[in-house]
Each structure stands twice: as C-alpha cells, then as structure tokens.
Amino acid sequence: CAGAALAPDLDHKSATISRAFGPVSKA
C-alpha cells in the first residue's frame, strides 16, 4: 500500500515513480 500510494503519479514525469525503474518508468 505504501508503494501503491505513489503509483497514481505515473502521469507526472518528475514524480518519484518516474525515477524508480530508470528508463522503463520514465518511458
């Protein structure tokens, strides 16, 4: 749940989740 609470920001290129998995999450 702590991890999933970051996931909605998958629509934001500067969010924590965008950096979490390197080029894959950025793309």
PDB file of all heavy atoms in Angstrom:
ATOM      1  N   CYS A   1       0.836  -1.206   0.000  1.00  0.00           N
ATOM      2  CA  CYS A   1       0.000   0.000   0.000  1.00  0.00           C
ATOM      3  C   CYS A   1       0.869   1.252   0.000  1.00  0.00           C
ATOM      4  O   CYS A   1       0.527   2.253  -0.654  1.00  0.00           O
ATOM      5  CB  CYS A   1      -0.921  -0.017   1.212  1.00  0.00           C
ATOM      6  SG  CYS A   1      -2.399   1.002   1.031  1.00  0.00           S
ATOM      7  N   ALA A   2       2.002   1.211   0.703  1.00  0.00           N
ATOM      8  CA  ALA A   2       2.929   2.345   0.697  1.00  0.00           C
ATOM      9  C   ALA A   2       3.473   2.577  -0.709  1.00  0.00           C
ATOM     10  O   ALA A   2       3.614   3.724  -1.151  1.00  0.00           O
ATOM     11  CB  ALA A   2       4.066   2.094   1.678  1.00  0.00           C
ATOM     12  N   GLY A   3       3.791   1.489  -1.409  1.00  0.00           N
ATOM     13  CA  GLY A   3       4.275   1.624  -2.780  1.00  0.00           C
ATOM     14  C   GLY A   3       3.187   2.045  -3.741  1.00  0.00           C
ATOM     15  O   GLY A   3       3.384   2.923  -4.595  1.00  0.00           O
ATOM     16  N   ALA A   4       2.012   1.440  -3.593  1.00  0.00           N
ATOM     17  CA  ALA A   4       0.891   1.750  -4.484  1.00  0.00           C
ATOM     18  C   ALA A   4       0.428   3.185  -4.330  1.00  0.00           C
ATOM     19  O   ALA A   4      -0.152   3.754  -5.263  1.00  0.00           O
ATOM     20  CB  ALA A   4      -0.272   0.792  -4.210  1.00  0.00           C
ATOM     21  N   ALA A   5       0.681   3.786  -3.170  1.00  0.00           N
ATOM     22  CA  ALA A   5       0.283   5.174  -2.952  1.00  0.00           C
ATOM     23  C   ALA A   5       1.123   6.156  -3.763  1.00  0.00           C
ATOM     24  O   ALA A   5       0.818   7.347  -3.798  1.00  0.00           O
ATOM     25  CB  ALA A   5       0.370   5.517  -1.466  1.00  0.00           C
ATOM     26  N   LEU A   6       2.173   5.678  -4.407  1.00  0.00           N
ATOM     27  CA  LEU A   6       2.957   6.520  -5.327  1.00  0.00           C
ATOM     28  C   LEU A   6       2.502   6.357  -6.770  1.00  0.00           C
ATOM     29  O   LEU A   6       2.781   7.228  -7.611  1.00  0.00           O
ATOM     30  CB  LEU A   6       4.447   6.156  -5.246  1.00  0.00           C
ATOM     31  CG  LEU A   6       5.168   6.369  -3.925  1.00  0.00           C
ATOM     32  CD1 LEU A   6       6.623   5.940  -4.064  1.00  0.00           C
ATOM     33  CD2 LEU A   6       5.087   7.819  -3.494  1.00  0.00           C
ATOM     34  N   ALA A   7       1.823   5.255  -7.067  1.00  0.00           N
ATOM     35  CA  ALA A   7       1.558   4.879  -8.450  1.00  0.00           C
ATOM     36  C   ALA A   7       0.695   5.850  -9.253  1.00  0.00           C
ATOM     37  O   ALA A   7       0.916   6.010 -10.455  1.00  0.00           O
ATOM     38  CB  ALA A   7       0.954   3.472  -8.498  1.00  0.00           C
ATOM     39  N   PRO A   8      -0.311   6.521  -8.678  1.00  0.00           N
ATOM     40  CA  PRO A   8      -1.095   7.449  -9.497  1.00  0.00           C
ATOM     41  C   PRO A   8      -0.279   8.563 -10.147  1.00  0.00           C
ATOM     42  O   PRO A   8      -0.689   9.118 -11.167  1.00  0.00           O
ATOM     43  CB  PRO A   8      -2.118   8.018  -8.501  1.00  0.00           C
ATOM     44  CG  PRO A   8      -2.317   6.903  -7.528  1.00  0.00           C
ATOM     45  CD  PRO A   8      -0.944   6.328  -7.352  1.00  0.00           C
ATOM     46  N   ASP A   9       0.899   8.881  -9.594  1.00  0.00           N
ATOM     47  CA  ASP A   9       1.737   9.903 -10.199  1.00  0.00           C
ATOM     48  C   ASP A   9       2.527   9.383 -11.401  1.00  0.00           C
ATOM     49  O   ASP A   9       3.483  10.021 -11.857  1.00  0.00           O
ATOM     50  CB  ASP A   9       2.693  10.495  -9.159  1.00  0.00           C
ATOM     51  CG  ASP A   9       2.030  11.593  -8.335  1.00  0.00           C
ATOM     52  OD1 ASP A   9       0.973  12.106  -8.765  1.00  0.00           O
ATOM     53  OD2 ASP A   9       2.553  11.927  -7.259  1.00  0.00           O
ATOM     54  N   LEU A  10       2.097   8.237 -11.917  1.00  0.00           N
ATOM     55  CA  LEU A  10       2.673   7.717 -13.145  1.00  0.00           C
ATOM     56  C   LEU A  10       2.389   8.648 -14.325  1.00  0.00           C
ATOM     57  O   LEU A  10       2.927   8.478 -15.406  1.00  0.00           O
ATOM     58  CB  LEU A  10       2.093   6.324 -13.433  1.00  0.00           C
ATOM     59  CG  LEU A  10       2.831   5.409 -14.403  1.00  0.00           C
ATOM     60  CD1 LEU A  10       4.272   5.187 -13.971  1.00  0.00           C
ATOM     61  CD2 LEU A  10       2.118   4.070 -14.510  1.00  0.00           C
ATOM     62  N   ASP A  11       1.541   9.633 -14.115  1.00  0.00           N
ATOM     63  CA  ASP A  11       1.247  10.616 -15.164  1.00  0.00           C
ATOM     64  C   ASP A  11       2.112  11.873 -15.039  1.00  0.00           C
ATOM     65  O   ASP A  11       1.874  12.868 -15.711  1.00  0.00           O
ATOM     66  CB  ASP A  11      -0.233  11.008 -15.117  1.00  0.00           C
ATOM     67  CG  ASP A  11      -0.632  11.646 -13.786  1.00  0.00           C
ATOM     68  OD1 ASP A  11       0.246  11.849 -12.912  1.00  0.00           O
ATOM     69  OD2 ASP A  11      -1.830  11.932 -13.604  1.00  0.00           O
ATOM     70  N   HIS A  12       3.121  11.821 -14.150  1.00  0.00           N
ATOM     71  CA  HIS A  12       3.932  13.004 -13.878  1.00  0.00           C
ATOM     72  C   HIS A  12       5.410  12.666 -14.098  1.00  0.00           C
ATOM     73  O   HIS A  12       5.977  11.839 -13.385  1.00  0.00           O
ATOM     74  CB  HIS A  12       3.697  13.449 -12.431  1.00  0.00           C
ATOM     75  CG  HIS A  12       4.286  14.778 -12.087  1.00  0.00           C
ATOM     76  ND1 HIS A  12       5.055  15.505 -12.951  1.00  0.00           N
ATOM     77  CD2 HIS A  12       4.210  15.527 -10.946  1.00  0.00           C
ATOM     78  CE1 HIS A  12       5.438  16.628 -12.379  1.00  0.00           C
ATOM     79  NE2 HIS A  12       4.925  16.664 -11.157  1.00  0.00           N
ATOM     80  N   LYS A  13       6.045  13.325 -15.043  1.00  0.00           N
ATOM     81  CA  LYS A  13       7.415  12.977 -15.427  1.00  0.00           C
ATOM     82  C   LYS A  13       8.456  13.302 -14.357  1.00  0.00           C
ATOM     83  O   LYS A  13       9.582  12.812 -14.429  1.00  0.00           O
ATOM     84  CB  LYS A  13       7.779  13.694 -16.733  1.00  0.00           C
ATOM     85  CG  LYS A  13       7.018  13.177 -17.937  1.00  0.00           C
ATOM     86  CD  LYS A  13       7.312  13.967 -19.187  1.00  0.00           C
ATOM     87  CE  LYS A  13       6.591  15.301 -19.182  1.00  0.00           C
ATOM     88  NZ  LYS A  13       6.723  16.015 -20.478  1.00  0.00           N
ATOM     89  N   SER A  14       8.097  14.122 -13.367  1.00  0.00           N
ATOM     90  CA  SER A  14       9.051  14.475 -12.316  1.00  0.00           C
ATOM     91  C   SER A  14       8.769  13.766 -10.996  1.00  0.00           C
ATOM     92  O   SER A  14       9.437  14.037  -9.995  1.00  0.00           O
ATOM     93  CB  SER A  14       9.028  15.995 -12.092  1.00  0.00           C
ATOM     94  OG  SER A  14       9.408  16.680 -13.259  1.00  0.00           O
ATOM     95  N   ALA A  15       7.789  12.878 -10.978  1.00  0.00           N
ATOM     96  CA  ALA A  15       7.400  12.204  -9.739  1.00  0.00           C
ATOM     97  C   ALA A  15       8.405  11.126  -9.347  1.00  0.00           C
ATOM     98  O   ALA A  15       9.226  10.671 -10.159  1.00  0.00           O
ATOM     99  CB  ALA A  15       6.014  11.592  -9.907  1.00  0.00           C
ATOM    100  N   THR A  16       8.324  10.701  -8.098  1.00  0.00           N
ATOM    101  CA  THR A  16       9.219   9.658  -7.591  1.00  0.00           C
ATOM    102  C   THR A  16       9.142   8.399  -8.444  1.00  0.00           C
ATOM    103  O   THR A  16      10.170   7.790  -8.773  1.00  0.00           O
ATOM    104  CB  THR A  16       8.862   9.318  -6.129  1.00  0.00           C
ATOM    105  OG1 THR A  16       8.982  10.491  -5.332  1.00  0.00           O
ATOM    106  CG2 THR A  16       9.784   8.242  -5.585  1.00  0.00           C
ATOM    107  N   ILE A  17       7.935   8.006  -8.839  1.00  0.00           N
ATOM    108  CA  ILE A  17       7.771   6.767  -9.579  1.00  0.00           C
ATOM    109  C   ILE A  17       8.443   6.827 -10.948  1.00  0.00           C
ATOM    110  O   ILE A  17       8.867   5.809 -11.490  1.00  0.00           O
ATOM    111  CB  ILE A  17       6.274   6.403  -9.730  1.00  0.00           C
ATOM    112  CG1 ILE A  17       6.125   4.978 -10.262  1.00  0.00           C
ATOM    113  CG2 ILE A  17       5.535   7.421 -10.585  1.00  0.00           C
ATOM    114  CD1 ILE A  17       4.702   4.483 -10.249  1.00  0.00           C
ATOM    115  N   SER A  18       8.596   8.026 -11.510  1.00  0.00           N
ATOM    116  CA  SER A  18       9.231   8.132 -12.829  1.00  0.00           C
ATOM    117  C   SER A  18      10.706   7.770 -12.769  1.00  0.00           C
ATOM    118  O   SER A  18      11.297   7.368 -13.772  1.00  0.00           O
ATOM    119  CB  SER A  18       9.063   9.548 -13.385  1.00  0.00           C
ATOM    120  OG  SER A  18       9.882  10.475 -12.692  1.00  0.00           O
ATOM    121  N   ARG A  19      11.316   7.898 -11.583  1.00  0.00           N
ATOM    122  CA  ARG A  19      12.736   7.578 -11.418  1.00  0.00           C
ATOM    123  C   ARG A  19      12.956   6.174 -10.884  1.00  0.00           C
ATOM    124  O   ARG A  19      14.093   5.689 -10.867  1.00  0.00           O
ATOM    125  CB  ARG A  19      13.378   8.573 -10.444  1.00  0.00           C
ATOM    126  CG  ARG A  19      13.258  10.030 -10.851  1.00  0.00           C
ATOM    127  CD  ARG A  19      14.039  10.928  -9.902  1.00  0.00           C
ATOM    128  NE  ARG A  19      13.545  10.840  -8.536  1.00  0.00           N
ATOM    129  CZ  ARG A  19      12.593  11.632  -8.047  1.00  0.00           C
ATOM    130  NH1 ARG A  19      12.035  12.552  -8.813  1.00  0.00           N
ATOM    131  NH2 ARG A  19      12.184  11.501  -6.790  1.00  0.00           N
ATOM    132  N   ALA A  20      11.905   5.537 -10.417  1.00  0.00           N
ATOM    133  CA  ALA A  20      12.061   4.293  -9.654  1.00  0.00           C
ATOM    134  C   ALA A  20      12.644   3.143 -10.463  1.00  0.00           C
ATOM    135  O   ALA A  20      13.384   2.321  -9.920  1.00  0.00           O
ATOM    136  CB  ALA A  20      10.721   3.878  -9.059  1.00  0.00           C
ATOM    137  N   PHE A  21      12.322   3.054 -11.731  1.00  0.00           N
ATOM    138  CA  PHE A  21      12.783   1.929 -12.553  1.00  0.00           C
ATOM    139  C   PHE A  21      13.564   2.400 -13.777  1.00  0.00           C
ATOM    140  O   PHE A  21      13.533   1.762 -14.829  1.00  0.00           O
ATOM    141  CB  PHE A  21      11.590   1.060 -12.970  1.00  0.00           C
ATOM    142  CG  PHE A  21      10.847   0.485 -11.801  1.00  0.00           C
ATOM    143  CD1 PHE A  21       9.709   1.097 -11.319  1.00  0.00           C
ATOM    144  CD2 PHE A  21      11.307  -0.651 -11.162  1.00  0.00           C
ATOM    145  CE1 PHE A  21       9.023   0.591 -10.227  1.00  0.00           C
ATOM    146  CE2 PHE A  21      10.638  -1.182 -10.067  1.00  0.00           C
ATOM    147  CZ  PHE A  21       9.491  -0.555  -9.593  1.00  0.00           C
ATOM    148  N   GLY A  22      14.253   3.520 -13.620  1.00  0.00           N
ATOM    149  CA  GLY A  22      15.124   4.007 -14.674  1.00  0.00           C
ATOM    150  C   GLY A  22      14.392   4.364 -15.960  1.00  0.00           C
ATOM    151  O   GLY A  22      13.275   4.902 -15.925  1.00  0.00           O
ATOM    152  N   PRO A  23      14.991   4.068 -17.111  1.00  0.00           N
ATOM    153  CA  PRO A  23      14.387   4.429 -18.398  1.00  0.00           C
ATOM    154  C   PRO A  23      13.007   3.801 -18.622  1.00  0.00           C
ATOM    155  O   PRO A  23      12.170   4.387 -19.316  1.00  0.00           O
ATOM    156  CB  PRO A  23      15.399   3.893 -19.425  1.00  0.00           C
ATOM    157  CG  PRO A  23      16.690   3.797 -18.683  1.00  0.00           C
ATOM    158  CD  PRO A  23      16.323   3.446 -17.279  1.00  0.00           C
ATOM    159  N   VAL A  24      12.766   2.645 -18.023  1.00  0.00           N
ATOM    160  CA  VAL A  24      11.471   1.977 -18.214  1.00  0.00           C
ATOM    161  C   VAL A  24      10.348   2.814 -17.620  1.00  0.00           C
ATOM    162  O   VAL A  24       9.319   3.067 -18.263  1.00  0.00           O
ATOM    163  CB  VAL A  24      11.485   0.564 -17.582  1.00  0.00           C
ATOM    164  CG1 VAL A  24      10.093  -0.054 -17.644  1.00  0.00           C
ATOM    165  CG2 VAL A  24      12.491  -0.323 -18.288  1.00  0.00           C
ATOM    166  N   SER A  25      10.512   3.243 -16.368  1.00  0.00           N
ATOM    167  CA  SER A  25       9.450   4.034 -15.733  1.00  0.00           C
ATOM    168  C   SER A  25       9.345   5.422 -16.353  1.00  0.00           C
ATOM    169  O   SER A  25       8.245   5.985 -16.442  1.00  0.00           O
ATOM    170  CB  SER A  25       9.681   4.128 -14.222  1.00  0.00           C
ATOM    171  OG  SER A  25      10.974   4.596 -13.918  1.00  0.00           O
ATOM    172  N   LYS A  26      10.456   6.002 -16.803  1.00  0.00           N
ATOM    173  CA  LYS A  26      10.391   7.305 -17.468  1.00  0.00           C
ATOM    174  C   LYS A  26       9.573   7.217 -18.753  1.00  0.00           C
ATOM    175  O   LYS A  26       8.731   8.081 -19.038  1.00  0.00           O
ATOM    176  CB  LYS A  26      11.802   7.825 -17.762  1.00  0.00           C
ATOM    177  CG  LYS A  26      12.541   8.345 -16.542  1.00  0.00           C
ATOM    178  CD  LYS A  26      13.868   8.944 -16.917  1.00  0.00           C
ATOM    179  CE  LYS A  26      14.599   9.476 -15.694  1.00  0.00           C
ATOM    180  NZ  LYS A  26      13.886  10.602 -15.064  1.00  0.00           N
ATOM    181  N   ALA A  27       9.827   6.165 -19.532  1.00  0.00           N
ATOM    182  CA  ALA A  27       9.076   5.984 -20.775  1.00  0.00           C
ATOM    183  C   ALA A  27       7.604   5.716 -20.485  1.00  0.00           C
ATOM    184  O   ALA A  27       6.719   6.237 -21.176  1.00  0.00           O
ATOM    185  CB  ALA A  27       9.675   4.828 -21.583  1.00  0.00           C
TER     186      ALA A  27
END
